[in-house]
Amino acid sequence: ITWTGSTTYSPSLKSHTSISRDTSKNQFTLQLSSVTPQDTAV
């Protein structure tokens, strides 16, 4: 997610990925839906 709030995703994950932000908290978040054991990672 950029300084303006626009987002770009990896094509292989785009359908399940959402990145958002909360500027008041200076935080950004990741949501990955419909996960499988193959999504296990650091």
PDB file of all heavy atoms in Angstrom:
ATOM      1  N   ILE A   1       0.864  -1.162   0.000  1.00  0.00           N
ATOM      2  CA  ILE A   1       0.000   0.000   0.000  1.00  0.00           C
ATOM      3  C   ILE A   1       0.906   1.219   0.000  1.00  0.00           C
ATOM      4  O   ILE A   1       1.909   1.267   0.703  1.00  0.00           O
ATOM      5  CB  ILE A   1      -0.978  -0.007   1.197  1.00  0.00           C
ATOM      6  CG1 ILE A   1      -1.997   1.129   1.084  1.00  0.00           C
ATOM      7  CG2 ILE A   1      -0.246   0.047   2.534  1.00  0.00           C
ATOM      8  CD1 ILE A   1      -3.198   0.954   2.020  1.00  0.00           C
ATOM      9  N   THR A   2       0.564   2.217  -0.803  1.00  0.00           N
ATOM     10  CA  THR A   2       1.419   3.379  -0.953  1.00  0.00           C
ATOM     11  C   THR A   2       1.017   4.492   0.012  1.00  0.00           C
ATOM     12  O   THR A   2       0.045   4.385   0.756  1.00  0.00           O
ATOM     13  CB  THR A   2       1.357   3.943  -2.376  1.00  0.00           C
ATOM     14  OG1 THR A   2       0.099   4.627  -2.566  1.00  0.00           O
ATOM     15  CG2 THR A   2       1.476   2.840  -3.412  1.00  0.00           C
ATOM     16  N   TRP A   3       1.761   5.574  -0.042  1.00  0.00           N
ATOM     17  CA  TRP A   3       1.494   6.729   0.804  1.00  0.00           C
ATOM     18  C   TRP A   3       0.122   7.339   0.543  1.00  0.00           C
ATOM     19  O   TRP A   3      -0.418   8.032   1.412  1.00  0.00           O
ATOM     20  CB  TRP A   3       2.587   7.780   0.619  1.00  0.00           C
ATOM     21  CG  TRP A   3       2.571   8.479  -0.725  1.00  0.00           C
ATOM     22  CD1 TRP A   3       2.067   9.709  -0.993  1.00  0.00           C
ATOM     23  CD2 TRP A   3       3.084   7.978  -1.960  1.00  0.00           C
ATOM     24  NE1 TRP A   3       2.226  10.016  -2.317  1.00  0.00           N
ATOM     25  CE2 TRP A   3       2.850   8.965  -2.945  1.00  0.00           C
ATOM     26  CE3 TRP A   3       3.721   6.806  -2.351  1.00  0.00           C
ATOM     27  CZ2 TRP A   3       3.214   8.807  -4.277  1.00  0.00           C
ATOM     28  CZ3 TRP A   3       4.090   6.638  -3.679  1.00  0.00           C
ATOM     29  CH2 TRP A   3       3.839   7.634  -4.619  1.00  0.00           C
ATOM     30  N   THR A   4      -0.447   7.117  -0.635  1.00  0.00           N
ATOM     31  CA  THR A   4      -1.769   7.632  -0.953  1.00  0.00           C
ATOM     32  C   THR A   4      -2.892   6.668  -0.586  1.00  0.00           C
ATOM     33  O   THR A   4      -4.062   7.042  -0.622  1.00  0.00           O
ATOM     34  CB  THR A   4      -1.892   7.940  -2.448  1.00  0.00           C
ATOM     35  OG1 THR A   4      -1.820   6.726  -3.197  1.00  0.00           O
ATOM     36  CG2 THR A   4      -0.778   8.883  -2.895  1.00  0.00           C
ATOM     37  N   GLY A   5      -2.540   5.428  -0.250  1.00  0.00           N
ATOM     38  CA  GLY A   5      -3.534   4.416   0.051  1.00  0.00           C
ATOM     39  C   GLY A   5      -3.859   3.483  -1.095  1.00  0.00           C
ATOM     40  O   GLY A   5      -4.706   2.596  -0.942  1.00  0.00           O
ATOM     41  N   SER A   6      -3.222   3.655  -2.238  1.00  0.00           N
ATOM     42  CA  SER A   6      -3.431   2.736  -3.348  1.00  0.00           C
ATOM     43  C   SER A   6      -2.720   1.419  -3.075  1.00  0.00           C
ATOM     44  O   SER A   6      -1.698   1.384  -2.385  1.00  0.00           O
ATOM     45  CB  SER A   6      -2.971   3.343  -4.665  1.00  0.00           C
ATOM     46  OG  SER A   6      -1.568   3.548  -4.669  1.00  0.00           O
ATOM     47  N   THR A   7      -3.235   0.332  -3.628  1.00  0.00           N
ATOM     48  CA  THR A   7      -2.698  -1.002  -3.364  1.00  0.00           C
ATOM     49  C   THR A   7      -2.336  -1.725  -4.640  1.00  0.00           C
ATOM     50  O   THR A   7      -2.941  -1.514  -5.695  1.00  0.00           O
ATOM     51  CB  THR A   7      -3.700  -1.858  -2.583  1.00  0.00           C
ATOM     52  OG1 THR A   7      -4.955  -1.887  -3.278  1.00  0.00           O
ATOM     53  CG2 THR A   7      -3.909  -1.305  -1.186  1.00  0.00           C
ATOM     54  N   THR A   8      -1.348  -2.602  -4.531  1.00  0.00           N
ATOM     55  CA  THR A   8      -0.926  -3.484  -5.606  1.00  0.00           C
ATOM     56  C   THR A   8      -0.603  -4.834  -4.995  1.00  0.00           C
ATOM     57  O   THR A   8       0.053  -4.906  -3.958  1.00  0.00           O
ATOM     58  CB  THR A   8       0.303  -2.938  -6.350  1.00  0.00           C
ATOM     59  OG1 THR A   8       0.009  -1.643  -6.881  1.00  0.00           O
ATOM     60  CG2 THR A   8       0.698  -3.862  -7.505  1.00  0.00           C
ATOM     61  N   TYR A   9      -1.063  -5.911  -5.649  1.00  0.00           N
ATOM     62  CA  TYR A   9      -0.900  -7.256  -5.101  1.00  0.00           C
ATOM     63  C   TYR A   9      -0.188  -8.177  -6.074  1.00  0.00           C
ATOM     64  O   TYR A   9      -0.255  -7.989  -7.295  1.00  0.00           O
ATOM     65  CB  TYR A   9      -2.261  -7.853  -4.763  1.00  0.00           C
ATOM     66  CG  TYR A   9      -3.109  -7.005  -3.860  1.00  0.00           C
ATOM     67  CD1 TYR A   9      -4.279  -6.412  -4.324  1.00  0.00           C
ATOM     68  CD2 TYR A   9      -2.746  -6.789  -2.536  1.00  0.00           C
ATOM     69  CE1 TYR A   9      -5.065  -5.631  -3.495  1.00  0.00           C
ATOM     70  CE2 TYR A   9      -3.519  -6.001  -1.697  1.00  0.00           C
ATOM     71  CZ  TYR A   9      -4.676  -5.429  -2.185  1.00  0.00           C
ATOM     72  OH  TYR A   9      -5.451  -4.650  -1.355  1.00  0.00           O
ATOM     73  N   SER A  10       0.453  -9.200  -5.519  1.00  0.00           N
ATOM     74  CA  SER A  10       0.999 -10.260  -6.346  1.00  0.00           C
ATOM     75  C   SER A  10      -0.134 -10.927  -7.113  1.00  0.00           C
ATOM     76  O   SER A  10      -1.166 -11.258  -6.520  1.00  0.00           O
ATOM     77  CB  SER A  10       1.715 -11.292  -5.471  1.00  0.00           C
ATOM     78  OG  SER A  10       2.038 -12.448  -6.212  1.00  0.00           O
ATOM     79  N   PRO A  11       0.025 -11.133  -8.427  1.00  0.00           N
ATOM     80  CA  PRO A  11      -1.056 -11.759  -9.199  1.00  0.00           C
ATOM     81  C   PRO A  11      -1.511 -13.105  -8.650  1.00  0.00           C
ATOM     82  O   PRO A  11      -2.702 -13.430  -8.729  1.00  0.00           O
ATOM     83  CB  PRO A  11      -0.447 -11.899 -10.601  1.00  0.00           C
ATOM     84  CG  PRO A  11       0.558 -10.798 -10.677  1.00  0.00           C
ATOM     85  CD  PRO A  11       1.139 -10.716  -9.293  1.00  0.00           C
ATOM     86  N   SER A  12      -0.598 -13.887  -8.098  1.00  0.00           N
ATOM     87  CA  SER A  12      -0.937 -15.211  -7.602  1.00  0.00           C
ATOM     88  C   SER A  12      -1.767 -15.178  -6.329  1.00  0.00           C
ATOM     89  O   SER A  12      -2.403 -16.181  -5.977  1.00  0.00           O
ATOM     90  CB  SER A  12       0.331 -16.033  -7.361  1.00  0.00           C
ATOM     91  OG  SER A  12       1.126 -15.461  -6.340  1.00  0.00           O
ATOM     92  N   LEU A  13      -1.786 -14.059  -5.634  1.00  0.00           N
ATOM     93  CA  LEU A  13      -2.498 -13.943  -4.371  1.00  0.00           C
ATOM     94  C   LEU A  13      -3.602 -12.901  -4.393  1.00  0.00           C
ATOM     95  O   LEU A  13      -4.334 -12.763  -3.409  1.00  0.00           O
ATOM     96  CB  LEU A  13      -1.513 -13.593  -3.246  1.00  0.00           C
ATOM     97  CG  LEU A  13      -0.408 -14.611  -2.963  1.00  0.00           C
ATOM     98  CD1 LEU A  13       0.595 -14.035  -1.983  1.00  0.00           C
ATOM     99  CD2 LEU A  13      -1.002 -15.900  -2.428  1.00  0.00           C
ATOM    100  N   LYS A  14      -3.738 -12.184  -5.478  1.00  0.00           N
ATOM    101  CA  LYS A  14      -4.619 -11.021  -5.535  1.00  0.00           C
ATOM    102  C   LYS A  14      -6.065 -11.330  -5.150  1.00  0.00           C
ATOM    103  O   LYS A  14      -6.708 -10.533  -4.449  1.00  0.00           O
ATOM    104  CB  LYS A  14      -4.570 -10.406  -6.928  1.00  0.00           C
ATOM    105  CG  LYS A  14      -5.382  -9.131  -7.070  1.00  0.00           C
ATOM    106  CD  LYS A  14      -5.203  -8.515  -8.448  1.00  0.00           C
ATOM    107  CE  LYS A  14      -5.979  -7.216  -8.577  1.00  0.00           C
ATOM    108  NZ  LYS A  14      -5.774  -6.595  -9.919  1.00  0.00           N
ATOM    109  N   SER A  15      -6.572 -12.468  -5.576  1.00  0.00           N
ATOM    110  CA  SER A  15      -7.979 -12.785  -5.340  1.00  0.00           C
ATOM    111  C   SER A  15      -8.298 -13.016  -3.871  1.00  0.00           C
ATOM    112  O   SER A  15      -9.474 -12.984  -3.486  1.00  0.00           O
ATOM    113  CB  SER A  15      -8.388 -14.006  -6.158  1.00  0.00           C
ATOM    114  OG  SER A  15      -7.686 -15.159  -5.743  1.00  0.00           O
ATOM    115  N   HIS A  16      -7.285 -13.250  -3.054  1.00  0.00           N
ATOM    116  CA  HIS A  16      -7.500 -13.541  -1.641  1.00  0.00           C
ATOM    117  C   HIS A  16      -6.897 -12.495  -0.710  1.00  0.00           C
ATOM    118  O   HIS A  16      -6.965 -12.657   0.508  1.00  0.00           O
ATOM    119  CB  HIS A  16      -6.913 -14.905  -1.284  1.00  0.00           C
ATOM    120  CG  HIS A  16      -7.482 -16.049  -2.074  1.00  0.00           C
ATOM    121  ND1 HIS A  16      -8.750 -16.525  -1.850  1.00  0.00           N
ATOM    122  CD2 HIS A  16      -6.961 -16.783  -3.087  1.00  0.00           C
ATOM    123  CE1 HIS A  16      -8.989 -17.518  -2.686  1.00  0.00           C
ATOM    124  NE2 HIS A  16      -7.921 -17.699  -3.443  1.00  0.00           N
ATOM    125  N   THR A  17      -6.324 -11.434  -1.255  1.00  0.00           N
ATOM    126  CA  THR A  17      -5.531 -10.498  -0.464  1.00  0.00           C
ATOM    127  C   THR A  17      -6.172  -9.120  -0.385  1.00  0.00           C
ATOM    128  O   THR A  17      -6.702  -8.607  -1.383  1.00  0.00           O
ATOM    129  CB  THR A  17      -4.122 -10.351  -1.058  1.00  0.00           C
ATOM    130  OG1 THR A  17      -3.514 -11.644  -1.176  1.00  0.00           O
ATOM    131  CG2 THR A  17      -3.249  -9.469  -0.173  1.00  0.00           C
ATOM    132  N   SER A  18      -6.099  -8.534   0.791  1.00  0.00           N
ATOM    133  CA  SER A  18      -6.520  -7.153   0.975  1.00  0.00           C
ATOM    134  C   SER A  18      -5.565  -6.466   1.946  1.00  0.00           C
ATOM    135  O   SER A  18      -5.346  -6.963   3.046  1.00  0.00           O
ATOM    136  CB  SER A  18      -7.949  -7.079   1.510  1.00  0.00           C
ATOM    137  OG  SER A  18      -8.345  -5.737   1.721  1.00  0.00           O
ATOM    138  N   ILE A  19      -4.993  -5.356   1.527  1.00  0.00           N
ATOM    139  CA  ILE A  19      -4.141  -4.534   2.381  1.00  0.00           C
ATOM    140  C   ILE A  19      -4.852  -3.203   2.603  1.00  0.00           C
ATOM    141  O   ILE A  19      -5.320  -2.575   1.652  1.00  0.00           O
ATOM    142  CB  ILE A  19      -2.750  -4.314   1.765  1.00  0.00           C
ATOM    143  CG1 ILE A  19      -2.030  -5.657   1.579  1.00  0.00           C
ATOM    144  CG2 ILE A  19      -1.914  -3.380   2.626  1.00  0.00           C
ATOM    145  CD1 ILE A  19      -0.705  -5.554   0.847  1.00  0.00           C
ATOM    146  N   SER A  20      -4.925  -2.787   3.842  1.00  0.00           N
ATOM    147  CA  SER A  20      -5.575  -1.530   4.176  1.00  0.00           C
ATOM    148  C   SER A  20      -4.744  -0.798   5.215  1.00  0.00           C
ATOM    149  O   SER A  20      -3.709  -1.299   5.661  1.00  0.00           O
ATOM    150  CB  SER A  20      -7.001  -1.762   4.682  1.00  0.00           C
ATOM    151  OG  SER A  20      -7.008  -2.611   5.817  1.00  0.00           O
ATOM    152  N   ARG A  21      -5.201   0.393   5.609  1.00  0.00           N
ATOM    153  CA  ARG A  21      -4.433   1.169   6.572  1.00  0.00           C
ATOM    154  C   ARG A  21      -5.349   1.970   7.474  1.00  0.00           C
ATOM    155  O   ARG A  21      -6.513   2.225   7.155  1.00  0.00           O
ATOM    156  CB  ARG A  21      -3.468   2.110   5.852  1.00  0.00           C
ATOM    157  CG  ARG A  21      -4.162   3.198   5.034  1.00  0.00           C
ATOM    158  CD  ARG A  21      -3.167   4.125   4.383  1.00  0.00           C
ATOM    159  NE  ARG A  21      -3.834   5.214   3.671  1.00  0.00           N
ATOM    160  CZ  ARG A  21      -3.213   6.269   3.161  1.00  0.00           C
ATOM    161  NH1 ARG A  21      -1.894   6.376   3.272  1.00  0.00           N
ATOM    162  NH2 ARG A  21      -3.900   7.211   2.524  1.00  0.00           N
ATOM    163  N   ASP A  22      -4.801   2.337   8.613  1.00  0.00           N
ATOM    164  CA  ASP A  22      -5.459   3.228   9.550  1.00  0.00           C
ATOM    165  C   ASP A  22      -4.456   4.329   9.853  1.00  0.00           C
ATOM    166  O   ASP A  22      -3.538   4.144  10.657  1.00  0.00           O
ATOM    167  CB  ASP A  22      -5.870   2.489  10.821  1.00  0.00           C
ATOM    168  CG  ASP A  22      -6.671   3.347  11.773  1.00  0.00           C
ATOM    169  OD1 ASP A  22      -6.571   4.588  11.709  1.00  0.00           O
ATOM    170  OD2 ASP A  22      -7.407   2.779  12.609  1.00  0.00           O
ATOM    171  N   THR A  23      -4.609   5.460   9.203  1.00  0.00           N
ATOM    172  CA  THR A  23      -3.625   6.528   9.346  1.00  0.00           C
ATOM    173  C   THR A  23      -3.622   7.132  10.748  1.00  0.00           C
ATOM    174  O   THR A  23      -2.590   7.622  11.203  1.00  0.00           O
ATOM    175  CB  THR A  23      -3.865   7.635   8.313  1.00  0.00           C
ATOM    176  OG1 THR A  23      -5.190   8.164   8.463  1.00  0.00           O
ATOM    177  CG2 THR A  23      -3.702   7.092   6.900  1.00  0.00           C
ATOM    178  N   SER A  24      -4.755   7.092  11.439  1.00  0.00           N
ATOM    179  CA  SER A  24      -4.809   7.632  12.790  1.00  0.00           C
ATOM    180  C   SER A  24      -3.975   6.815  13.761  1.00  0.00           C
ATOM    181  O   SER A  24      -3.493   7.338  14.759  1.00  0.00           O
ATOM    182  CB  SER A  24      -6.253   7.732  13.284  1.00  0.00           C
ATOM    183  OG  SER A  24      -6.820   6.453  13.492  1.00  0.00           O
ATOM    184  N   LYS A  25      -3.809   5.533  13.480  1.00  0.00           N
ATOM    185  CA  LYS A  25      -3.001   4.642  14.311  1.00  0.00           C
ATOM    186  C   LYS A  25      -1.622   4.379  13.720  1.00  0.00           C
ATOM    187  O   LYS A  25      -0.816   3.684  14.340  1.00  0.00           O
ATOM    188  CB  LYS A  25      -3.721   3.316  14.518  1.00  0.00           C
ATOM    189  CG  LYS A  25      -5.037   3.429  15.259  1.00  0.00           C
ATOM    190  CD  LYS A  25      -5.683   2.061  15.428  1.00  0.00           C
ATOM    191  CE  LYS A  25      -6.985   2.147  16.178  1.00  0.00           C
ATOM    192  NZ  LYS A  25      -7.628   0.813  16.331  1.00  0.00           N
ATOM    193  N   ASN A  26      -1.375   4.907  12.524  1.00  0.00           N
ATOM    194  CA  ASN A  26      -0.115   4.671  11.822  1.00  0.00           C
ATOM    195  C   ASN A  26       0.137   3.166  11.659  1.00  0.00           C
ATOM    196  O   ASN A  26       1.227   2.656  11.931  1.00  0.00           O
ATOM    197  CB  ASN A  26       1.059   5.340  12.540  1.00  0.00           C
ATOM    198  CG  ASN A  26       2.135   5.806  11.572  1.00  0.00           C
ATOM    199  OD1 ASN A  26       1.836   6.262  10.471  1.00  0.00           O
ATOM    200  ND2 ASN A  26       3.395   5.704  11.980  1.00  0.00           N
ATOM    201  N   GLN A  27      -0.898   2.475  11.197  1.00  0.00           N
ATOM    202  CA  GLN A  27      -0.850   1.033  11.011  1.00  0.00           C
ATOM    203  C   GLN A  27      -1.344   0.661   9.624  1.00  0.00           C
ATOM    204  O   GLN A  27      -2.178   1.365   9.044  1.00  0.00           O
ATOM    205  CB  GLN A  27      -1.727   0.314  12.043  1.00  0.00           C
ATOM    206  CG  GLN A  27      -1.303   0.483  13.488  1.00  0.00           C
ATOM    207  CD  GLN A  27      -2.272  -0.181  14.435  1.00  0.00           C
ATOM    208  OE1 GLN A  27      -3.470  -0.275  14.171  1.00  0.00           O
ATOM    209  NE2 GLN A  27      -1.759  -0.653  15.568  1.00  0.00           N
ATOM    210  N   PHE A  28      -0.839  -0.445   9.110  1.00  0.00           N
ATOM    211  CA  PHE A  28      -1.443  -1.050   7.933  1.00  0.00           C
ATOM    212  C   PHE A  28      -1.615  -2.540   8.178  1.00  0.00           C
ATOM    213  O   PHE A  28      -0.902  -3.138   8.983  1.00  0.00           O
ATOM    214  CB  PHE A  28      -0.663  -0.744   6.639  1.00  0.00           C
ATOM    215  CG  PHE A  28       0.744  -1.265   6.571  1.00  0.00           C
ATOM    216  CD1 PHE A  28       1.037  -2.381   5.803  1.00  0.00           C
ATOM    217  CD2 PHE A  28       1.784  -0.620   7.226  1.00  0.00           C
ATOM    218  CE1 PHE A  28       2.338  -2.854   5.694  1.00  0.00           C
ATOM    219  CE2 PHE A  28       3.088  -1.080   7.125  1.00  0.00           C
ATOM    220  CZ  PHE A  28       3.362  -2.196   6.358  1.00  0.00           C
ATOM    221  N   THR A  29      -2.601  -3.127   7.480  1.00  0.00           N
ATOM    222  CA  THR A  29      -3.031  -4.474   7.798  1.00  0.00           C
ATOM    223  C   THR A  29      -3.036  -5.364   6.565  1.00  0.00           C
ATOM    224  O   THR A  29      -3.127  -4.897   5.435  1.00  0.00           O
ATOM    225  CB  THR A  29      -4.439  -4.486   8.408  1.00  0.00           C
ATOM    226  OG1 THR A  29      -5.382  -3.963   7.467  1.00  0.00           O
ATOM    227  CG2 THR A  29      -4.475  -3.639   9.671  1.00  0.00           C
ATOM    228  N   LEU A  30      -2.936  -6.654   6.821  1.00  0.00           N
ATOM    229  CA  LEU A  30      -3.027  -7.679   5.782  1.00  0.00           C
ATOM    230  C   LEU A  30      -4.171  -8.618   6.118  1.00  0.00           C
ATOM    231  O   LEU A  30      -4.274  -9.080   7.252  1.00  0.00           O
ATOM    232  CB  LEU A  30      -1.719  -8.470   5.699  1.00  0.00           C
ATOM    233  CG  LEU A  30      -1.752  -9.740   4.829  1.00  0.00           C
ATOM    234  CD1 LEU A  30      -1.887  -9.371   3.355  1.00  0.00           C
ATOM    235  CD2 LEU A  30      -0.504 -10.587   5.072  1.00  0.00           C
ATOM    236  N   GLN A  31      -5.006  -8.903   5.138  1.00  0.00           N
ATOM    237  CA  GLN A  31      -6.025  -9.934   5.261  1.00  0.00           C
ATOM    238  C   GLN A  31      -5.879 -10.895   4.095  1.00  0.00           C
ATOM    239  O   GLN A  31      -5.896 -10.476   2.933  1.00  0.00           O
ATOM    240  CB  GLN A  31      -7.435  -9.345   5.285  1.00  0.00           C
ATOM    241  CG  GLN A  31      -7.716  -8.494   6.520  1.00  0.00           C
ATOM    242  CD  GLN A  31      -9.185  -8.195   6.689  1.00  0.00           C
ATOM    243  OE1 GLN A  31      -9.805  -8.560   7.686  1.00  0.00           O
ATOM    244  NE2 GLN A  31      -9.766  -7.528   5.701  1.00  0.00           N
ATOM    245  N   LEU A  32      -5.721 -12.171   4.413  1.00  0.00           N
ATOM    246  CA  LEU A  32      -5.583 -13.220   3.421  1.00  0.00           C
ATOM    247  C   LEU A  32      -6.686 -14.226   3.692  1.00  0.00           C
ATOM    248  O   LEU A  32      -6.670 -14.910   4.715  1.00  0.00           O
ATOM    249  CB  LEU A  32      -4.199 -13.866   3.518  1.00  0.00           C
ATOM    250  CG  LEU A  32      -3.801 -14.873   2.439  1.00  0.00           C
ATOM    251  CD1 LEU A  32      -3.717 -14.188   1.079  1.00  0.00           C
ATOM    252  CD2 LEU A  32      -2.469 -15.518   2.802  1.00  0.00           C
ATOM    253  N   SER A  33      -7.643 -14.320   2.794  1.00  0.00           N
ATOM    254  CA  SER A  33      -8.824 -15.141   3.010  1.00  0.00           C
ATOM    255  C   SER A  33      -8.635 -16.558   2.494  1.00  0.00           C
ATOM    256  O   SER A  33      -7.750 -16.841   1.692  1.00  0.00           O
ATOM    257  CB  SER A  33     -10.045 -14.499   2.340  1.00  0.00           C
ATOM    258  OG  SER A  33      -9.895 -14.479   0.934  1.00  0.00           O
ATOM    259  N   SER A  34      -9.499 -17.453   2.962  1.00  0.00           N
ATOM    260  CA  SER A  34      -9.534 -18.843   2.505  1.00  0.00           C
ATOM    261  C   SER A  34      -8.173 -19.515   2.554  1.00  0.00           C
ATOM    262  O   SER A  34      -7.731 -20.146   1.596  1.00  0.00           O
ATOM    263  CB  SER A  34     -10.107 -18.911   1.084  1.00  0.00           C
ATOM    264  OG  SER A  34     -11.393 -18.335   1.016  1.00  0.00           O
ATOM    265  N   VAL A  35      -7.514 -19.403   3.676  1.00  0.00           N
ATOM    266  CA  VAL A  35      -6.150 -19.912   3.783  1.00  0.00           C
ATOM    267  C   VAL A  35      -6.122 -21.435   3.835  1.00  0.00           C
ATOM    268  O   VAL A  35      -7.101 -22.096   4.215  1.00  0.00           O
ATOM    269  CB  VAL A  35      -5.427 -19.333   5.008  1.00  0.00           C
ATOM    270  CG1 VAL A  35      -5.296 -17.816   4.876  1.00  0.00           C
ATOM    271  CG2 VAL A  35      -6.143 -19.711   6.299  1.00  0.00           C
ATOM    272  N   THR A  36      -4.984 -21.988   3.436  1.00  0.00           N
ATOM    273  CA  THR A  36      -4.697 -23.411   3.495  1.00  0.00           C
ATOM    274  C   THR A  36      -3.382 -23.608   4.233  1.00  0.00           C
ATOM    275  O   THR A  36      -2.664 -22.642   4.507  1.00  0.00           O
ATOM    276  CB  THR A  36      -4.589 -24.018   2.090  1.00  0.00           C
ATOM    277  OG1 THR A  36      -3.355 -23.608   1.491  1.00  0.00           O
ATOM    278  CG2 THR A  36      -5.742 -23.564   1.209  1.00  0.00           C
ATOM    279  N   PRO A  37      -3.017 -24.856   4.564  1.00  0.00           N
ATOM    280  CA  PRO A  37      -1.717 -25.073   5.209  1.00  0.00           C
ATOM    281  C   PRO A  37      -0.533 -24.540   4.405  1.00  0.00           C
ATOM    282  O   PRO A  37       0.527 -24.264   4.980  1.00  0.00           O
ATOM    283  CB  PRO A  37      -1.656 -26.597   5.358  1.00  0.00           C
ATOM    284  CG  PRO A  37      -3.084 -26.992   5.518  1.00  0.00           C
ATOM    285  CD  PRO A  37      -3.834 -26.085   4.588  1.00  0.00           C
ATOM    286  N   GLN A  38      -0.683 -24.390   3.089  1.00  0.00           N
ATOM    287  CA  GLN A  38       0.392 -23.839   2.267  1.00  0.00           C
ATOM    288  C   GLN A  38       0.645 -22.362   2.535  1.00  0.00           C
ATOM    289  O   GLN A  38       1.652 -21.824   2.077  1.00  0.00           O
ATOM    290  CB  GLN A  38       0.088 -24.058   0.784  1.00  0.00           C
ATOM    291  CG  GLN A  38       0.068 -25.523   0.370  1.00  0.00           C
ATOM    292  CD  GLN A  38      -0.192 -25.700  -1.116  1.00  0.00           C
ATOM    293  OE1 GLN A  38       0.090 -24.812  -1.927  1.00  0.00           O
ATOM    294  NE2 GLN A  38      -0.725 -26.847  -1.480  1.00  0.00           N
ATOM    295  N   ASP A  39      -0.247 -21.708   3.259  1.00  0.00           N
ATOM    296  CA  ASP A  39      -0.053 -20.315   3.644  1.00  0.00           C
ATOM    297  C   ASP A  39       0.740 -20.180   4.940  1.00  0.00           C
ATOM    298  O   ASP A  39       1.004 -19.052   5.381  1.00  0.00           O
ATOM    299  CB  ASP A  39      -1.403 -19.612   3.781  1.00  0.00           C
ATOM    300  CG  ASP A  39      -2.124 -19.485   2.453  1.00  0.00           C
ATOM    301  OD1 ASP A  39      -1.506 -18.972   1.492  1.00  0.00           O
ATOM    302  OD2 ASP A  39      -3.298 -19.914   2.375  1.00  0.00           O
ATOM    303  N   THR A  40       1.112 -21.290   5.553  1.00  0.00           N
ATOM    304  CA  THR A  40       1.973 -21.250   6.731  1.00  0.00           C
ATOM    305  C   THR A  40       3.308 -20.615   6.365  1.00  0.00           C
ATOM    306  O   THR A  40       3.955 -21.028   5.405  1.00  0.00           O
ATOM    307  CB  THR A  40       2.195 -22.658   7.286  1.00  0.00           C
ATOM    308  OG1 THR A  40       0.959 -23.176   7.781  1.00  0.00           O
ATOM    309  CG2 THR A  40       3.223 -22.649   8.411  1.00  0.00           C
ATOM    310  N   ALA A  41       3.719 -19.598   7.116  1.00  0.00           N
ATOM    311  CA  ALA A  41       4.941 -18.872   6.791  1.00  0.00           C
ATOM    312  C   ALA A  41       5.266 -17.892   7.899  1.00  0.00           C
ATOM    313  O   ALA A  41       4.444 -17.626   8.780  1.00  0.00           O
ATOM    314  CB  ALA A  41       4.785 -18.114   5.466  1.00  0.00           C
ATOM    315  N   VAL A  42       6.473 -17.339   7.828  1.00  0.00           N
ATOM    316  CA  VAL A  42       6.808 -16.150   8.589  1.00  0.00           C
ATOM    317  C   VAL A  42       6.397 -14.953   7.743  1.00  0.00           C
ATOM    318  O   VAL A  42       6.790 -14.848   6.572  1.00  0.00           O
ATOM    319  CB  VAL A  42       8.300 -16.086   8.938  1.00  0.00           C
ATOM    320  CG1 VAL A  42       8.627 -14.783   9.662  1.00  0.00           C
ATOM    321  CG2 VAL A  42       8.690 -17.279   9.806  1.00  0.00           C
TER     322      VAL A  42
END
